[in-house]
Amino acid sequence: MKAPFGRTAYIVVFLLAATYAVATLSGARGIPAVLARQKQIQRLEDRNAQLAREIERKRDHVRRLQNDASEQEREIRDRYKLVHPGDTVYITGQPDKK
């Protein structure tokens, strides 16, 4: 009589453990959450790499501006639309309609 009860108890315990495992793995903190976190990590790593490239590009630009006076002058002329006295400025394109 004890053998069938023991076997039944093991089966019930196994089924409860399997049910708990399935519920845990498919729940809010289970496998879908892990996959979502991995996708989020990948997106953030890609964004970090993109920002690192942008930072390096800007550092290179700053180095060029610090070391080259003609580069500084070109940047000032482009950004602030400044010209030297006596320079001739040609404006091309369509005039603004007001």
PDB file of N, CA and C in Angstrom:
ATOM      1  N   MET A   1       0.806  -1.185   0.000  1.00  0.00           N
ATOM      2  CA  MET A   1       0.000   0.000   0.000  1.00  0.00           C
ATOM      3  C   MET A   1       0.863   1.268   0.000  1.00  0.00           C
ATOM      4  N   LYS A   2       2.041   1.160   0.585  1.00  0.00           N
ATOM      5  CA  LYS A   2       2.900   2.337   0.637  1.00  0.00           C
ATOM      6  C   LYS A   2       3.536   2.640  -0.712  1.00  0.00           C
ATOM      7  N   ALA A   3       3.788   1.644  -1.518  1.00  0.00           N
ATOM      8  CA  ALA A   3       4.436   1.861  -2.803  1.00  0.00           C
ATOM      9  C   ALA A   3       3.584   2.714  -3.728  1.00  0.00           C
ATOM     10  N   PRO A   4       2.281   2.450  -3.936  1.00  0.00           N
ATOM     11  CA  PRO A   4       1.492   3.313  -4.810  1.00  0.00           C
ATOM     12  C   PRO A   4       1.369   4.745  -4.265  1.00  0.00           C
ATOM     13  N   PHE A   5       1.275   4.882  -2.940  1.00  0.00           N
ATOM     14  CA  PHE A   5       1.167   6.220  -2.349  1.00  0.00           C
ATOM     15  C   PHE A   5       2.459   7.011  -2.579  1.00  0.00           C
ATOM     16  N   GLY A   6       3.590   6.355  -2.403  1.00  0.00           N
ATOM     17  CA  GLY A   6       4.885   7.011  -2.625  1.00  0.00           C
ATOM     18  C   GLY A   6       5.060   7.414  -4.075  1.00  0.00           C
ATOM     19  N   ARG A   7       4.691   6.525  -4.987  1.00  0.00           N
ATOM     20  CA  ARG A   7       4.790   6.829  -6.406  1.00  0.00           C
ATOM     21  C   ARG A   7       3.864   7.981  -6.768  1.00  0.00           C
ATOM     22  N   THR A   8       2.655   7.981  -6.241  1.00  0.00           N
ATOM     23  CA  THR A   8       1.692   9.052  -6.496  1.00  0.00           C
ATOM     24  C   THR A   8       2.202  10.375  -5.934  1.00  0.00           C
ATOM     25  N   ALA A   9       2.801  10.324  -4.773  1.00  0.00           N
ATOM     26  CA  ALA A   9       3.343  11.538  -4.159  1.00  0.00           C
ATOM     27  C   ALA A   9       4.458  12.114  -5.041  1.00  0.00           C
ATOM     28  N   TYR A  10       5.345  11.259  -5.555  1.00  0.00           N
ATOM     29  CA  TYR A  10       6.408  11.727  -6.437  1.00  0.00           C
ATOM     30  C   TYR A  10       5.841  12.330  -7.719  1.00  0.00           C
ATOM     31  N   ILE A  11       4.831  11.720  -8.268  1.00  0.00           N
ATOM     32  CA  ILE A  11       4.212  12.238  -9.488  1.00  0.00           C
ATOM     33  C   ILE A  11       3.565  13.587  -9.228  1.00  0.00           C
ATOM     34  N   VAL A  12       2.869  13.710  -8.114  1.00  0.00           N
ATOM     35  CA  VAL A  12       2.223  14.980  -7.772  1.00  0.00           C
ATOM     36  C   VAL A  12       3.276  16.070  -7.556  1.00  0.00           C
ATOM     37  N   VAL A  13       4.336  15.743  -6.834  1.00  0.00           N
ATOM     38  CA  VAL A  13       5.402  16.723  -6.592  1.00  0.00           C
ATOM     39  C   VAL A  13       6.054  17.123  -7.916  1.00  0.00           C
ATOM     40  N   PHE A  14       6.316  16.154  -8.784  1.00  0.00           N
ATOM     41  CA  PHE A  14       6.896  16.450 -10.088  1.00  0.00           C
ATOM     42  C   PHE A  14       5.978  17.343 -10.913  1.00  0.00           C
ATOM     43  N   LEU A  15       4.693  17.052 -10.922  1.00  0.00           N
ATOM     44  CA  LEU A  15       3.740  17.868 -11.677  1.00  0.00           C
ATOM     45  C   LEU A  15       3.654  19.280 -11.123  1.00  0.00           C
ATOM     46  N   LEU A  16       3.673  19.407  -9.811  1.00  0.00           N
ATOM     47  CA  LEU A  16       3.656  20.750  -9.204  1.00  0.00           C
ATOM     48  C   LEU A  16       4.923  21.532  -9.568  1.00  0.00           C
ATOM     49  N   ALA A  17       6.067  20.848  -9.522  1.00  0.00           N
ATOM     50  CA  ALA A  17       7.331  21.511  -9.876  1.00  0.00           C
ATOM     51  C   ALA A  17       7.325  21.918 -11.343  1.00  0.00           C
ATOM     52  N   ALA A  18       6.814  21.034 -12.212  1.00  0.00           N
ATOM     53  CA  ALA A  18       6.759  21.354 -13.639  1.00  0.00           C
ATOM     54  C   ALA A  18       5.807  22.512 -13.888  1.00  0.00           C
ATOM     55  N   THR A  19       4.677  22.531 -13.228  1.00  0.00           N
ATOM     56  CA  THR A  19       3.722  23.624 -13.377  1.00  0.00           C
ATOM     57  C   THR A  19       4.322  24.944 -12.895  1.00  0.00           C
ATOM     58  N   TYR A  20       5.013  24.895 -11.771  1.00  0.00           N
ATOM     59  CA  TYR A  20       5.660  26.094 -11.238  1.00  0.00           C
ATOM     60  C   TYR A  20       6.731  26.598 -12.219  1.00  0.00           C
ATOM     61  N   ALA A  21       7.504  25.664 -12.783  1.00  0.00           N
ATOM     62  CA  ALA A  21       8.556  26.052 -13.725  1.00  0.00           C
ATOM     63  C   ALA A  21       7.956  26.701 -14.973  1.00  0.00           C
ATOM     64  N   VAL A  22       6.901  26.123 -15.509  1.00  0.00           N
ATOM     65  CA  VAL A  22       6.259  26.688 -16.700  1.00  0.00           C
ATOM     66  C   VAL A  22       5.683  28.064 -16.391  1.00  0.00           C
ATOM     67  N   ALA A  23       5.018  28.195 -15.242  1.00  0.00           N
ATOM     68  CA  ALA A  23       4.420  29.483 -14.865  1.00  0.00           C
ATOM     69  C   ALA A  23       5.500  30.542 -14.648  1.00  0.00           C
ATOM     70  N   THR A  24       6.592  30.152 -14.049  1.00  0.00           N
ATOM     71  CA  THR A  24       7.671  31.100 -13.780  1.00  0.00           C
ATOM     72  C   THR A  24       8.360  31.526 -15.073  1.00  0.00           C
ATOM     73  N   LEU A  25       8.644  30.578 -15.947  1.00  0.00           N
ATOM     74  CA  LEU A  25       9.365  30.901 -17.175  1.00  0.00           C
ATOM     75  C   LEU A  25       8.513  31.670 -18.175  1.00  0.00           C
ATOM     76  N   SER A  26       7.217  31.503 -18.135  1.00  0.00           N
ATOM     77  CA  SER A  26       6.365  32.216 -19.088  1.00  0.00           C
ATOM     78  C   SER A  26       5.733  33.460 -18.485  1.00  0.00           C
ATOM     79  N   GLY A  27       6.031  33.759 -17.257  1.00  0.00           N
ATOM     80  CA  GLY A  27       5.436  34.909 -16.577  1.00  0.00           C
ATOM     81  C   GLY A  27       6.124  36.212 -16.937  1.00  0.00           C
ATOM     82  N   ALA A  28       5.828  37.234 -16.156  1.00  0.00           N
ATOM     83  CA  ALA A  28       6.329  38.583 -16.419  1.00  0.00           C
ATOM     84  C   ALA A  28       7.846  38.681 -16.288  1.00  0.00           C
ATOM     85  N   ARG A  29       8.453  37.825 -15.493  1.00  0.00           N
ATOM     86  CA  ARG A  29       9.904  37.855 -15.321  1.00  0.00           C
ATOM     87  C   ARG A  29      10.582  36.652 -15.965  1.00  0.00           C
ATOM     88  N   GLY A  30       9.904  35.990 -16.833  1.00  0.00           N
ATOM     89  CA  GLY A  30      10.416  34.766 -17.433  1.00  0.00           C
ATOM     90  C   GLY A  30      11.190  35.017 -18.710  1.00  0.00           C
ATOM     91  N   ILE A  31      11.098  34.067 -19.603  1.00  0.00           N
ATOM     92  CA  ILE A  31      11.855  34.110 -20.856  1.00  0.00           C
ATOM     93  C   ILE A  31      11.507  35.321 -21.722  1.00  0.00           C
ATOM     94  N   PRO A  32      10.234  35.707 -21.867  1.00  0.00           N
ATOM     95  CA  PRO A  32       9.958  36.906 -22.675  1.00  0.00           C
ATOM     96  C   PRO A  32      10.624  38.162 -22.114  1.00  0.00           C
ATOM     97  N   ALA A  33      10.684  38.272 -20.805  1.00  0.00           N
ATOM     98  CA  ALA A  33      11.339  39.433 -20.202  1.00  0.00           C
ATOM     99  C   ALA A  33      12.837  39.415 -20.462  1.00  0.00           C
ATOM    100  N   VAL A  34      13.427  38.235 -20.392  1.00  0.00           N
ATOM    101  CA  VAL A  34      14.860  38.115 -20.662  1.00  0.00           C
ATOM    102  C   VAL A  34      15.154  38.494 -22.114  1.00  0.00           C
ATOM    103  N   LEU A  35      14.342  38.027 -23.033  1.00  0.00           N
ATOM    104  CA  LEU A  35      14.539  38.365 -24.444  1.00  0.00           C
ATOM    105  C   LEU A  35      14.359  39.858 -24.689  1.00  0.00           C
ATOM    106  N   ALA A  36      13.371  40.445 -24.028  1.00  0.00           N
ATOM    107  CA  ALA A  36      13.152  41.888 -24.176  1.00  0.00           C
ATOM    108  C   ALA A  36      14.347  42.668 -23.634  1.00  0.00           C
ATOM    109  N   ARG A  37      14.886  42.219 -22.513  1.00  0.00           N
ATOM    110  CA  ARG A  37      16.069  42.890 -21.931  1.00  0.00           C
ATOM    111  C   ARG A  37      17.272  42.760 -22.858  1.00  0.00           C
ATOM    112  N   GLN A  38      17.439  41.599 -23.481  1.00  0.00           N
ATOM    113  CA  GLN A  38      18.557  41.423 -24.400  1.00  0.00           C
ATOM    114  C   GLN A  38      18.428  42.362 -25.597  1.00  0.00           C
ATOM    115  N   LYS A  39      17.219  42.527 -26.120  1.00  0.00           N
ATOM    116  CA  LYS A  39      17.004  43.464 -27.230  1.00  0.00           C
ATOM    117  C   LYS A  39      17.299  44.891 -26.790  1.00  0.00           C
ATOM    118  N   GLN A  40      16.854  45.232 -25.588  1.00  0.00           N
ATOM    119  CA  GLN A  40      17.094  46.570 -25.072  1.00  0.00           C
ATOM    120  C   GLN A  40      18.595  46.809 -24.886  1.00  0.00           C
ATOM    121  N   ILE A  41      19.301  45.823 -24.369  1.00  0.00           N
ATOM    122  CA  ILE A  41      20.746  45.945 -24.190  1.00  0.00           C
ATOM    123  C   ILE A  41      21.426  46.136 -25.530  1.00  0.00           C
ATOM    124  N   GLN A  42      21.012  45.390 -26.541  1.00  0.00           N
ATOM    125  CA  GLN A  42      21.608  45.516 -27.873  1.00  0.00           C
ATOM    126  C   GLN A  42      21.372  46.913 -28.452  1.00  0.00           C
ATOM    127  N   ARG A  43      20.136  47.424 -28.293  1.00  0.00           N
ATOM    128  CA  ARG A  43      19.847  48.780 -28.783  1.00  0.00           C
ATOM    129  C   ARG A  43      20.707  49.812 -28.069  1.00  0.00           C
ATOM    130  N   LEU A  44      20.853  49.678 -26.746  1.00  0.00           N
ATOM    131  CA  LEU A  44      21.655  50.638 -25.995  1.00  0.00           C
ATOM    132  C   LEU A  44      23.134  50.538 -26.355  1.00  0.00           C
ATOM    133  N   GLU A  45      23.631  49.327 -26.585  1.00  0.00           N
ATOM    134  CA  GLU A  45      25.024  49.184 -26.998  1.00  0.00           C
ATOM    135  C   GLU A  45      25.244  49.815 -28.371  1.00  0.00           C
ATOM    136  N   ASP A  46      24.300  49.648 -29.279  1.00  0.00           N
ATOM    137  CA  ASP A  46      24.407  50.279 -30.598  1.00  0.00           C
ATOM    138  C   ASP A  46      24.406  51.791 -30.469  1.00  0.00           C
ATOM    139  N   ARG A  47      23.530  52.314 -29.625  1.00  0.00           N
ATOM    140  CA  ARG A  47      23.452  53.762 -29.412  1.00  0.00           C
ATOM    141  C   ARG A  47      24.751  54.281 -28.789  1.00  0.00           C
ATOM    142  N   ASN A  48      25.294  53.543 -27.830  1.00  0.00           N
ATOM    143  CA  ASN A  48      26.560  53.950 -27.211  1.00  0.00           C
ATOM    144  C   ASN A  48      27.686  53.982 -28.237  1.00  0.00           C
ATOM    145  N   ALA A  49      27.718  52.999 -29.119  1.00  0.00           N
ATOM    146  CA  ALA A  49      28.755  52.974 -30.162  1.00  0.00           C
ATOM    147  C   ALA A  49      28.594  54.160 -31.098  1.00  0.00           C
ATOM    148  N   GLN A  50      27.353  54.474 -31.447  1.00  0.00           N
ATOM    149  CA  GLN A  50      27.096  55.622 -32.316  1.00  0.00           C
ATOM    150  C   GLN A  50      27.535  56.915 -31.634  1.00  0.00           C
ATOM    151  N   LEU A  51      27.210  57.066 -30.369  1.00  0.00           N
ATOM    152  CA  LEU A  51      27.610  58.274 -29.641  1.00  0.00           C
ATOM    153  C   LEU A  51      29.120  58.351 -29.479  1.00  0.00           C
ATOM    154  N   ALA A  52      29.772  57.219 -29.285  1.00  0.00           N
ATOM    155  CA  ALA A  52      31.234  57.220 -29.176  1.00  0.00           C
ATOM    156  C   ALA A  52      31.871  57.677 -30.489  1.00  0.00           C
ATOM    157  N   ARG A  53      31.320  57.236 -31.619  1.00  0.00           N
ATOM    158  CA  ARG A  53      31.835  57.692 -32.919  1.00  0.00           C
ATOM    159  C   ARG A  53      31.621  59.192 -33.086  1.00  0.00           C
ATOM    160  N   GLU A  54      30.453  59.668 -32.668  1.00  0.00           N
ATOM    161  CA  GLU A  54      30.160  61.097 -32.782  1.00  0.00           C
ATOM    162  C   GLU A  54      31.088  61.922 -31.894  1.00  0.00           C
ATOM    163  N   ILE A  55      31.345  61.445 -30.692  1.00  0.00           N
ATOM    164  CA  ILE A  55      32.252  62.146 -29.779  1.00  0.00           C
ATOM    165  C   ILE A  55      33.650  62.209 -30.381  1.00  0.00           C
ATOM    166  N   GLU A  56      34.105  61.100 -30.944  1.00  0.00           N
ATOM    167  CA  GLU A  56      35.445  61.081 -31.540  1.00  0.00           C
ATOM    168  C   GLU A  56      35.516  62.028 -32.735  1.00  0.00           C
ATOM    169  N   ARG A  57      34.455  62.085 -33.525  1.00  0.00           N
ATOM    170  CA  ARG A  57      34.421  63.004 -34.664  1.00  0.00           C
ATOM    171  C   ARG A  57      34.498  64.449 -34.185  1.00  0.00           C
ATOM    172  N   LYS A  58      33.773  64.776 -33.128  1.00  0.00           N
ATOM    173  CA  LYS A  58      33.793  66.147 -32.602  1.00  0.00           C
ATOM    174  C   LYS A  58      35.137  66.481 -31.961  1.00  0.00           C
ATOM    175  N   ARG A  59      35.758  65.502 -31.289  1.00  0.00           N
ATOM    176  CA  ARG A  59      37.084  65.748 -30.715  1.00  0.00           C
ATOM    177  C   ARG A  59      38.099  66.028 -31.822  1.00  0.00           C
ATOM    178  N   ASP A  60      37.992  65.290 -32.903  1.00  0.00           N
ATOM    179  CA  ASP A  60      38.880  65.507 -34.038  1.00  0.00           C
ATOM    180  C   ASP A  60      38.670  66.900 -34.621  1.00  0.00           C
ATOM    181  N   HIS A  61      37.414  67.317 -34.719  1.00  0.00           N
ATOM    182  CA  HIS A  61      37.100  68.658 -35.228  1.00  0.00           C
ATOM    183  C   HIS A  61      37.705  69.722 -34.310  1.00  0.00           C
ATOM    184  N   VAL A  62      37.577  69.551 -33.002  1.00  0.00           N
ATOM    185  CA  VAL A  62      38.132  70.515 -32.043  1.00  0.00           C
ATOM    186  C   VAL A  62      39.652  70.546 -32.160  1.00  0.00           C
ATOM    187  N   ARG A  63      40.294  69.374 -32.303  1.00  0.00           N
ATOM    188  CA  ARG A  63      41.754  69.336 -32.463  1.00  0.00           C
ATOM    189  C   ARG A  63      42.186  70.102 -33.711  1.00  0.00           C
ATOM    190  N   ARG A  64      41.441  69.915 -34.814  1.00  0.00           N
ATOM    191  CA  ARG A  64      41.778  70.640 -36.040  1.00  0.00           C
ATOM    192  C   ARG A  64      41.632  72.146 -35.836  1.00  0.00           C
ATOM    193  N   LEU A  65      40.565  72.553 -35.120  1.00  0.00           N
ATOM    194  CA  LEU A  65      40.368  73.985 -34.875  1.00  0.00           C
ATOM    195  C   LEU A  65      41.464  74.550 -33.983  1.00  0.00           C
ATOM    196  N   GLN A  66      41.939  73.782 -33.018  1.00  0.00           N
ATOM    197  CA  GLN A  66      42.980  74.273 -32.119  1.00  0.00           C
ATOM    198  C   GLN A  66      44.330  74.389 -32.812  1.00  0.00           C
ATOM    199  N   ASN A  67      44.581  73.516 -33.778  1.00  0.00           N
ATOM    200  CA  ASN A  67      45.911  73.451 -34.381  1.00  0.00           C
ATOM    201  C   ASN A  67      46.029  74.185 -35.713  1.00  0.00           C
ATOM    202  N   ASP A  68      44.935  74.604 -36.305  1.00  0.00           N
ATOM    203  CA  ASP A  68      44.996  75.183 -37.646  1.00  0.00           C
ATOM    204  C   ASP A  68      44.217  76.495 -37.676  1.00  0.00           C
ATOM    205  N   ALA A  69      44.949  77.604 -37.830  1.00  0.00           N
ATOM    206  CA  ALA A  69      44.314  78.928 -37.837  1.00  0.00           C
ATOM    207  C   ALA A  69      43.396  79.098 -39.039  1.00  0.00           C
ATOM    208  N   SER A  70      43.773  78.543 -40.176  1.00  0.00           N
ATOM    209  CA  SER A  70      42.914  78.686 -41.352  1.00  0.00           C
ATOM    210  C   SER A  70      41.602  77.913 -41.165  1.00  0.00           C
ATOM    211  N   GLU A  71      41.677  76.792 -40.461  1.00  0.00           N
ATOM    212  CA  GLU A  71      40.452  76.032 -40.152  1.00  0.00           C
ATOM    213  C   GLU A  71      39.544  76.843 -39.213  1.00  0.00           C
ATOM    214  N   GLN A  72      40.174  77.526 -38.254  1.00  0.00           N
ATOM    215  CA  GLN A  72      39.397  78.396 -37.354  1.00  0.00           C
ATOM    216  C   GLN A  72      38.720  79.500 -38.148  1.00  0.00           C
ATOM    217  N   GLU A  73      39.467  80.126 -39.023  1.00  0.00           N
ATOM    218  CA  GLU A  73      38.912  81.232 -39.807  1.00  0.00           C
ATOM    219  C   GLU A  73      37.758  80.756 -40.688  1.00  0.00           C
ATOM    220  N   ARG A  74      37.913  79.591 -41.319  1.00  0.00           N
ATOM    221  CA  ARG A  74      36.850  79.049 -42.159  1.00  0.00           C
ATOM    222  C   ARG A  74      35.598  78.754 -41.327  1.00  0.00           C
ATOM    223  N   GLU A  75      35.788  78.214 -40.149  1.00  0.00           N
ATOM    224  CA  GLU A  75      34.649  77.908 -39.273  1.00  0.00           C
ATOM    225  C   GLU A  75      33.926  79.185 -38.845  1.00  0.00           C
ATOM    226  N   ILE A  76      34.696  80.214 -38.507  1.00  0.00           N
ATOM    227  CA  ILE A  76      34.093  81.490 -38.109  1.00  0.00           C
ATOM    228  C   ILE A  76      33.343  82.115 -39.273  1.00  0.00           C
ATOM    229  N   ARG A  77      33.928  82.084 -40.456  1.00  0.00           N
ATOM    230  CA  ARG A  77      33.257  82.637 -41.632  1.00  0.00           C
ATOM    231  C   ARG A  77      31.963  81.883 -41.935  1.00  0.00           C
ATOM    232  N   ASP A  78      32.013  80.555 -41.851  1.00  0.00           N
ATOM    233  CA  ASP A  78      30.813  79.758 -42.141  1.00  0.00           C
ATOM    234  C   ASP A  78      29.730  79.956 -41.081  1.00  0.00           C
ATOM    235  N   ARG A  79      30.125  79.926 -39.831  1.00  0.00           N
ATOM    236  CA  ARG A  79      29.136  79.971 -38.765  1.00  0.00           C
ATOM    237  C   ARG A  79      28.527  81.359 -38.589  1.00  0.00           C
ATOM    238  N   TYR A  80      29.354  82.385 -38.623  1.00  0.00           N
ATOM    239  CA  TYR A  80      28.872  83.738 -38.329  1.00  0.00           C
ATOM    240  C   TYR A  80      28.715  84.607 -39.570  1.00  0.00           C
ATOM    241  N   LYS A  81      28.983  84.055 -40.730  1.00  0.00           N
ATOM    242  CA  LYS A  81      28.830  84.768 -42.005  1.00  0.00           C
ATOM    243  C   LYS A  81      29.656  86.054 -42.025  1.00  0.00           C
ATOM    244  N   LEU A  82      30.879  85.983 -41.546  1.00  0.00           N
ATOM    245  CA  LEU A  82      31.763  87.139 -41.503  1.00  0.00           C
ATOM    246  C   LEU A  82      32.657  87.160 -42.746  1.00  0.00           C
ATOM    247  N   VAL A  83      33.045  88.359 -43.154  1.00  0.00           N
ATOM    248  CA  VAL A  83      33.958  88.528 -44.280  1.00  0.00           C
ATOM    249  C   VAL A  83      35.007  89.572 -43.906  1.00  0.00           C
ATOM    250  N   HIS A  84      36.147  89.508 -44.587  1.00  0.00           N
ATOM    251  CA  HIS A  84      37.189  90.506 -44.377  1.00  0.00           C
ATOM    252  C   HIS A  84      36.815  91.774 -45.134  1.00  0.00           C
ATOM    253  N   PRO A  85      37.280  92.932 -44.634  1.00  0.00           N
ATOM    254  CA  PRO A  85      37.038  94.165 -45.390  1.00  0.00           C
ATOM    255  C   PRO A  85      37.681  94.057 -46.772  1.00  0.00           C
ATOM    256  N   GLY A  86      36.931  94.448 -47.763  1.00  0.00           N
ATOM    257  CA  GLY A  86      37.421  94.395 -49.129  1.00  0.00           C
ATOM    258  C   GLY A  86      37.050  93.106 -49.857  1.00  0.00           C
ATOM    259  N   ASP A  87      36.541  92.102 -49.144  1.00  0.00           N
ATOM    260  CA  ASP A  87      36.101  90.872 -49.803  1.00  0.00           C
ATOM    261  C   ASP A  87      34.809  91.136 -50.552  1.00  0.00           C
ATOM    262  N   THR A  88      34.657  90.486 -51.677  1.00  0.00           N
ATOM    263  CA  THR A  88      33.436  90.593 -52.451  1.00  0.00           C
ATOM    264  C   THR A  88      32.582  89.367 -52.170  1.00  0.00           C
ATOM    265  N   VAL A  89      31.330  89.607 -51.838  1.00  0.00           N
ATOM    266  CA  VAL A  89      30.428  88.509 -51.505  1.00  0.00           C
ATOM    267  C   VAL A  89      29.409  88.373 -52.621  1.00  0.00           C
ATOM    268  N   TYR A  90      29.276  87.157 -53.133  1.00  0.00           N
ATOM    269  CA  TYR A  90      28.295  86.866 -54.163  1.00  0.00           C
ATOM    270  C   TYR A  90      27.194  86.023 -53.539  1.00  0.00           C
ATOM    271  N   ILE A  91      25.959  86.458 -53.713  1.00  0.00           N
ATOM    272  CA  ILE A  91      24.820  85.706 -53.196  1.00  0.00           C
ATOM    273  C   ILE A  91      24.144  85.059 -54.384  1.00  0.00           C
ATOM    274  N   THR A  92      24.026  83.734 -54.318  1.00  0.00           N
ATOM    275  CA  THR A  92      23.404  83.005 -55.407  1.00  0.00           C
ATOM    276  C   THR A  92      22.127  82.366 -54.894  1.00  0.00           C
ATOM    277  N   GLY A  93      21.242  82.042 -55.794  1.00  0.00           N
ATOM    278  CA  GLY A  93      20.006  81.388 -55.402  1.00  0.00           C
ATOM    279  C   GLY A  93      18.822  82.316 -55.562  1.00  0.00           C
ATOM    280  N   GLN A  94      17.663  81.816 -55.253  1.00  0.00           N
ATOM    281  CA  GLN A  94      16.433  82.573 -55.374  1.00  0.00           C
ATOM    282  C   GLN A  94      16.282  83.521 -54.180  1.00  0.00           C
ATOM    283  N   PRO A  95      15.853  84.754 -54.435  1.00  0.00           N
ATOM    284  CA  PRO A  95      15.613  85.662 -53.308  1.00  0.00           C
ATOM    285  C   PRO A  95      14.372  85.213 -52.518  1.00  0.00           C
ATOM    286  N   ASP A  96      14.386  85.522 -51.240  1.00  0.00           N
ATOM    287  CA  ASP A  96      13.248  85.181 -50.390  1.00  0.00           C
ATOM    288  C   ASP A  96      12.048  86.025 -50.765  1.00  0.00           C
ATOM    289  N   LYS A  97      10.902  85.404 -50.894  1.00  0.00           N
ATOM    290  CA  LYS A  97       9.656  86.147 -51.184  1.00  0.00           C
ATOM    291  C   LYS A  97       9.008  86.491 -49.847  1.00  0.00           C
ATOM    292  N   LYS A  98       8.634  87.751 -49.750  1.00  0.00           N
ATOM    293  CA  LYS A  98       8.042  88.194 -48.496  1.00  0.00           C
ATOM    294  C   LYS A  98       6.609  88.570 -48.683  1.00  0.00           C
TER     295      LYS A  98
END
